[in-house]
Amino acid sequence: MMQLQLPAVPMAPITSPDIPSGPEWCYQIKWDGVRTLVRLDGKGGVELFGRRLEPRNHTFPEIVSLLEPLRVGPCILDGEIAYFDGIRPNFQRAKLGVRKRAHEDGLIFVMFDMLNSNGEDIRKLPFKQRFEKLQASFPEKMPRLFVTDLHFDGQQLWKWLNDREWEGIISKRLDGPYMEGKKHQYWFKKRKEVRLVADVVGIKQRDGQVSSLVLRYEGRYIGHVSGLDNASKQVLKQFMMAHPGECPFPDLSNGMKKSDVVWIASPFNCRVSALEFTESGLLRQPRLLGFGDGE
């Protein structure tokens, strides 16, 4: 296969609470999927790479099959492998390919940038020109393989996403080059805050004192949350002593195995928010909102 040069790391958007505005900005939907670079040799040869440039052909053979028939010339594409359930992208379903190596007919590949076109490195070109080349190479939107749309009203797109509970928005400068990592001011992301009701299945202690709550959601471990006041800590300490239980998870990370956790026999609900789910399925920067299901 013709070895077109990959970046050391893919360009990454910077998290921001704001959506920049002005004629120099455009916007794309943030698909809730697995970041993927694709290298095509123009003759049916396909290579998939993950965020850390690890080979992914064996974990996503269904995406390889989608790309093999294409004859668009040698190129490098940037996008996301996502699972679309007909209503919105589903990150956990997309992760099945990484975690279980299962065949998923619902997986799609959404393209949003192009790094190399017909053997020419185009990373220094403005995003507007790179995107135009990408659209010209893939003019047809197929159900499972397409270029994501470009929008020019960020606030309107944000409202559309929130109304449908999609993940977020990526703001991009039209004149920005493709730069590795986050050392730039050209791409920004704003995510819809994750809010959910989780089961408290364990209480983590530090120096013999209650420190945080161990959480379960849809049967899996999603991390732990702190932010407890002293009164809550006293009630929780009495509760865990009265309701000792067993760990509900078949496997624990080494960090959790070393932690001082008291598992409880009678889980209860708590409401939490977070920035997002990480690639490993844990809540990023979780915040305790309260107890009960809120109804």
Protein backbone atom coordinates (compact mmCIF):
# COMPACT_ATOMS: atom_id res chain seq x y z
CA MET A 1 0.00 0.00 0.00
CA MET A 2 1.18 3.51 -0.83
CA GLN A 3 2.35 4.93 2.48
CA LEU A 4 0.78 8.36 2.72
CA GLN A 5 2.06 10.15 5.82
CA LEU A 6 -0.20 10.10 8.86
CA PRO A 7 -0.11 12.83 11.52
CA ALA A 8 1.66 11.96 14.77
CA VAL A 9 -1.75 12.43 16.44
CA PRO A 10 -5.08 13.55 14.97
CA MET A 11 -6.15 17.17 15.37
CA ALA A 12 -8.33 17.48 18.45
CA PRO A 13 -10.97 20.10 19.31
CA ILE A 14 -10.59 22.13 22.49
CA THR A 15 -13.45 21.96 25.01
CA SER A 16 -15.17 25.32 25.39
CA PRO A 17 -18.42 26.48 27.03
CA ASP A 18 -18.92 28.95 24.19
CA ILE A 19 -19.74 28.70 20.50
CA PRO A 20 -17.57 31.20 18.57
CA SER A 21 -19.39 33.27 16.00
CA GLY A 22 -18.48 35.30 12.93
CA PRO A 23 -18.04 34.83 9.18
CA GLU A 24 -14.76 32.96 9.71
CA TRP A 25 -16.48 30.11 11.60
CA CYS A 26 -18.43 27.04 10.50
CA TYR A 27 -19.98 24.20 12.50
CA GLN A 28 -20.38 20.43 12.36
CA ILE A 29 -22.31 17.94 14.42
CA LYS A 30 -20.16 16.07 16.92
CA TRP A 31 -21.00 12.46 16.23
CA ASP A 32 -20.90 10.33 19.36
CA GLY A 33 -18.47 7.77 17.99
CA VAL A 34 -14.92 6.43 17.84
CA ARG A 35 -12.37 8.78 16.25
CA THR A 36 -10.81 7.12 13.21
CA LEU A 37 -8.28 8.00 10.52
CA VAL A 38 -8.59 6.10 7.23
CA ARG A 39 -5.82 5.61 4.67
CA LEU A 40 -6.92 4.46 1.21
CA ASP A 41 -4.50 3.46 -1.54
CA GLY A 42 -7.04 4.07 -4.32
CA LYS A 43 -7.06 0.43 -5.39
CA GLY A 44 -9.19 -1.11 -2.65
CA GLY A 45 -6.57 -1.13 0.10
CA VAL A 46 -7.95 0.18 3.41
CA GLU A 47 -6.23 0.95 6.71
CA LEU A 48 -8.08 2.15 9.80
CA PHE A 49 -6.29 3.85 12.70
CA GLY A 50 -7.54 4.87 16.14
CA ARG A 51 -6.92 8.05 18.07
CA ARG A 52 -3.43 6.85 19.02
CA LEU A 53 -2.80 5.54 15.48
CA GLU A 54 -3.31 1.94 16.56
CA PRO A 55 -4.49 -0.32 13.66
CA ARG A 56 -8.24 -0.93 13.77
CA ASN A 57 -9.00 -3.07 10.70
CA HIS A 58 -9.52 -6.18 12.84
CA THR A 59 -11.89 -4.40 15.25
CA PHE A 60 -14.05 -2.77 12.57
CA PRO A 61 -14.13 -5.20 9.61
CA GLU A 62 -17.60 -3.92 8.65
CA ILE A 63 -16.16 -0.43 8.03
CA VAL A 64 -13.30 -1.90 5.99
CA SER A 65 -15.92 -3.64 3.85
CA LEU A 66 -17.73 -0.34 3.30
CA LEU A 67 -14.55 1.39 2.13
CA GLU A 68 -12.94 -1.34 -0.01
CA PRO A 69 -15.14 -0.75 -3.11
CA LEU A 70 -14.29 2.98 -3.23
CA ARG A 71 -12.06 4.31 -5.98
CA VAL A 72 -11.42 7.92 -5.01
CA GLY A 73 -7.64 7.88 -5.39
CA PRO A 74 -5.07 7.56 -2.59
CA CYS A 75 -6.11 9.72 0.37
CA ILE A 76 -6.30 10.08 4.15
CA LEU A 77 -9.68 10.75 5.74
CA ASP A 78 -10.57 11.91 9.25
CA GLY A 79 -13.87 10.97 10.83
CA GLU A 80 -15.76 8.89 13.36
CA ILE A 81 -17.13 5.38 13.43
CA ALA A 82 -20.54 5.73 15.03
CA TYR A 83 -23.62 3.66 15.75
CA PHE A 84 -26.87 5.33 14.69
CA ASP A 85 -30.01 3.84 16.23
CA GLY A 86 -32.38 5.82 14.03
CA ILE A 87 -32.81 8.60 16.58
CA ARG A 88 -29.31 9.59 17.66
CA PRO A 89 -25.74 8.22 17.72
CA ASN A 90 -25.05 5.74 20.52
CA PHE A 91 -21.49 5.83 21.84
CA GLN A 92 -21.69 2.58 23.81
CA ARG A 93 -22.90 0.64 20.76
CA ALA A 94 -20.08 2.12 18.66
CA LYS A 95 -17.60 0.98 21.30
CA LEU A 96 -18.69 -2.65 20.87
CA GLY A 97 -16.25 -2.98 18.01
CA VAL A 98 -13.37 -1.90 20.24
CA ARG A 99 -14.37 -3.74 23.38
CA LYS A 100 -15.89 -6.96 22.06
CA ARG A 101 -14.82 -7.15 18.42
CA ALA A 102 -18.43 -7.87 17.54
CA HIS A 103 -19.84 -7.45 14.05
CA GLU A 104 -22.25 -4.49 14.03
CA ASP A 105 -24.42 -3.87 10.96
CA GLY A 106 -25.51 -0.52 12.41
CA LEU A 107 -22.03 1.01 12.40
CA ILE A 108 -21.46 3.99 10.08
CA PHE A 109 -18.41 6.01 9.06
CA VAL A 110 -18.90 9.78 9.11
CA MET A 111 -16.18 11.87 7.41
CA PHE A 112 -15.44 15.44 8.44
CA ASP A 113 -11.96 16.25 7.11
CA MET A 114 -9.35 15.22 4.55
CA LEU A 115 -5.57 15.24 5.14
CA ASN A 116 -4.36 13.89 1.82
CA SER A 117 -6.05 14.03 -1.57
CA ASN A 118 -4.78 11.94 -4.52
CA GLY A 119 -1.40 11.55 -2.86
CA GLU A 120 -1.02 15.28 -2.06
CA ASP A 121 -0.62 16.34 1.57
CA ILE A 122 -3.25 19.08 2.04
CA ARG A 123 -3.00 19.63 5.80
CA LYS A 124 -1.67 23.18 5.34
CA LEU A 125 -4.66 24.21 3.27
CA PRO A 126 -7.52 26.10 4.98
CA PHE A 127 -10.26 23.86 6.32
CA LYS A 128 -12.70 25.30 3.76
CA GLN A 129 -10.57 24.00 0.88
CA ARG A 130 -9.94 20.62 2.53
CA PHE A 131 -13.66 20.17 3.11
CA GLU A 132 -14.46 21.08 -0.50
CA LYS A 133 -12.02 18.40 -1.68
CA LEU A 134 -13.62 15.91 0.70
CA GLN A 135 -17.10 16.70 -0.61
CA ALA A 136 -15.90 16.43 -4.21
CA SER A 137 -14.44 12.98 -3.49
CA PHE A 138 -17.63 11.77 -1.75
CA PRO A 139 -20.54 13.65 -3.36
CA GLU A 140 -23.09 10.93 -2.60
CA LYS A 141 -24.45 10.34 0.90
CA MET A 142 -24.79 6.61 1.44
CA PRO A 143 -26.72 5.34 4.48
CA ARG A 144 -23.58 4.13 6.28
CA LEU A 145 -20.85 6.22 4.63
CA PHE A 146 -21.08 9.98 4.16
CA VAL A 147 -19.55 13.41 4.71
CA THR A 148 -21.14 15.26 7.63
CA ASP A 149 -22.83 18.55 6.77
CA LEU A 150 -21.30 21.98 7.24
CA HIS A 151 -23.45 24.59 9.01
CA PHE A 152 -23.01 28.34 9.36
CA ASP A 153 -25.40 29.17 12.23
CA GLY A 154 -23.86 27.73 15.38
CA GLN A 155 -26.65 28.71 17.77
CA GLN A 156 -29.33 27.23 15.53
CA LEU A 157 -27.38 23.97 15.21
CA TRP A 158 -26.85 23.86 18.99
CA LYS A 159 -30.61 24.24 19.55
CA TRP A 160 -31.32 21.47 17.01
CA LEU A 161 -28.89 19.14 18.78
CA ASN A 162 -30.25 19.87 22.25
CA ASP A 163 -33.86 19.40 21.15
CA ARG A 164 -32.92 15.91 19.91
CA GLU A 165 -30.47 15.13 22.75
CA TRP A 166 -27.48 14.70 20.46
CA GLU A 167 -23.97 14.99 21.86
CA GLY A 168 -22.58 18.34 20.81
CA ILE A 169 -21.12 20.73 18.24
CA ILE A 170 -17.68 21.32 16.73
CA SER A 171 -16.81 24.90 15.74
CA LYS A 172 -14.10 25.23 13.08
CA ARG A 173 -12.34 28.21 11.54
CA LEU A 174 -12.72 28.14 7.79
CA ASP A 175 -9.14 29.39 7.35
CA GLY A 176 -7.55 26.94 9.80
CA PRO A 177 -4.89 24.38 8.77
CA TYR A 178 -4.90 20.82 10.08
CA MET A 179 -2.67 20.80 13.18
CA GLU A 180 -1.76 17.86 15.38
CA GLY A 181 -3.23 17.60 18.87
CA LYS A 182 -4.65 20.65 20.63
CA LYS A 183 -1.93 23.26 20.09
CA HIS A 184 -4.15 25.53 18.04
CA GLN A 185 -7.16 27.88 18.19
CA TYR A 186 -9.03 26.50 15.17
CA TRP A 187 -11.37 23.77 16.49
CA PHE A 188 -13.58 23.99 19.57
CA LYS A 189 -16.16 21.58 20.95
CA LYS A 190 -19.19 22.18 23.12
CA ARG A 191 -20.96 19.15 24.55
CA LYS A 192 -24.42 18.67 25.93
CA GLU A 193 -24.05 17.92 29.62
CA VAL A 194 -24.69 14.30 30.54
CA ARG A 195 -27.36 13.92 33.24
CA LEU A 196 -28.51 10.58 34.57
CA VAL A 197 -29.84 8.65 37.53
CA ALA A 198 -27.30 6.07 38.70
CA ASP A 199 -27.30 3.30 41.30
CA VAL A 200 -25.03 3.78 44.30
CA VAL A 201 -23.62 0.27 44.84
CA GLY A 202 -20.65 1.07 47.06
CA ILE A 203 -19.19 3.71 49.33
CA LYS A 204 -15.55 4.65 49.01
CA GLN A 205 -13.60 5.54 52.13
CA ARG A 206 -10.43 7.47 52.71
CA ASP A 207 -8.67 7.26 56.07
CA GLY A 208 -11.76 5.59 57.47
CA GLN A 209 -14.10 8.38 56.38
CA VAL A 210 -16.74 8.36 53.64
CA SER A 211 -15.30 10.12 50.58
CA SER A 212 -17.36 9.21 47.48
CA LEU A 213 -20.09 7.03 45.98
CA VAL A 214 -19.40 4.16 43.57
CA LEU A 215 -21.82 4.29 40.65
CA ARG A 216 -23.52 1.75 38.38
CA TYR A 217 -25.51 2.61 35.27
CA GLU A 218 -27.20 0.11 32.96
CA GLY A 219 -25.40 -2.67 34.79
CA ARG A 220 -21.86 -1.35 34.41
CA TYR A 221 -19.38 0.60 36.50
CA ILE A 222 -19.23 4.28 35.47
CA GLY A 223 -16.93 5.72 38.16
CA HIS A 224 -17.47 7.44 41.48
CA VAL A 225 -18.69 10.86 42.55
CA SER A 226 -17.79 13.01 45.56
CA GLY A 227 -19.26 16.33 46.74
CA LEU A 228 -20.89 14.98 49.91
CA ASP A 229 -21.55 17.26 52.87
CA ASN A 230 -20.77 16.16 56.43
CA ALA A 231 -24.40 15.33 57.28
CA SER A 232 -24.68 13.05 54.23
CA LYS A 233 -21.40 11.35 55.12
CA GLN A 234 -22.71 10.49 58.60
CA VAL A 235 -25.95 9.04 57.22
CA LEU A 236 -24.05 7.03 54.58
CA LYS A 237 -21.64 5.63 57.14
CA GLN A 238 -24.53 4.31 59.22
CA PHE A 239 -26.24 2.95 56.08
CA MET A 240 -23.22 1.02 54.83
CA MET A 241 -22.66 -0.53 58.23
CA ALA A 242 -26.29 -1.71 58.33
CA HIS A 243 -26.35 -3.01 54.72
CA PRO A 244 -23.03 -4.70 53.85
CA GLY A 245 -23.00 -6.44 50.48
CA GLU A 246 -20.85 -7.90 47.71
CA CYS A 247 -19.20 -6.26 44.71
CA PRO A 248 -21.72 -6.34 41.80
CA PHE A 249 -19.09 -6.06 39.05
CA PRO A 250 -17.33 -9.11 37.55
CA ASP A 251 -14.11 -7.14 36.99
CA LEU A 252 -12.51 -4.13 38.64
CA SER A 253 -9.61 -1.92 37.62
CA ASN A 254 -6.40 -2.19 39.61
CA GLY A 255 -7.12 1.23 41.10
CA MET A 256 -10.53 0.13 42.35
CA LYS A 257 -9.11 -3.12 43.73
CA LYS A 258 -6.73 -1.08 45.87
CA SER A 259 -9.44 1.31 47.04
CA ASP A 260 -11.22 1.01 50.38
CA VAL A 261 -14.78 0.34 49.20
CA VAL A 262 -17.70 -0.92 51.26
CA TRP A 263 -20.20 -2.57 48.91
CA ILE A 264 -23.82 -2.29 49.92
CA ALA A 265 -26.62 -4.86 49.64
CA SER A 266 -29.36 -2.27 49.01
CA PRO A 267 -28.36 0.13 46.21
CA PHE A 268 -30.10 3.50 46.06
CA ASN A 269 -30.42 6.18 43.39
CA CYS A 270 -28.52 9.42 42.97
CA ARG A 271 -28.62 12.09 40.26
CA VAL A 272 -25.33 13.07 38.64
CA SER A 273 -24.11 15.24 35.79
CA ALA A 274 -20.84 15.03 33.85
CA LEU A 275 -19.09 16.50 30.84
CA GLU A 276 -19.24 13.21 28.96
CA PHE A 277 -18.53 9.49 29.00
CA THR A 278 -14.87 8.77 28.35
CA GLU A 279 -13.75 6.15 25.82
CA SER A 280 -13.49 3.65 28.67
CA GLY A 281 -17.13 4.27 29.63
CA LEU A 282 -16.51 6.34 32.77
CA LEU A 283 -18.06 9.70 33.64
CA ARG A 284 -15.73 12.63 33.07
CA GLN A 285 -15.80 15.18 35.92
CA PRO A 286 -19.01 13.86 37.53
CA ARG A 287 -20.97 16.11 39.87
CA LEU A 288 -23.51 15.00 42.46
CA LEU A 289 -26.88 16.71 41.97
CA GLY A 290 -28.88 14.94 44.65
CA PHE A 291 -30.43 11.67 45.80
CA GLY A 292 -33.46 9.84 44.43
CA ASP A 293 -34.62 9.84 40.83
CA GLY A 294 -35.87 13.43 40.86
CA GLU A 295 -39.47 12.54 40.07
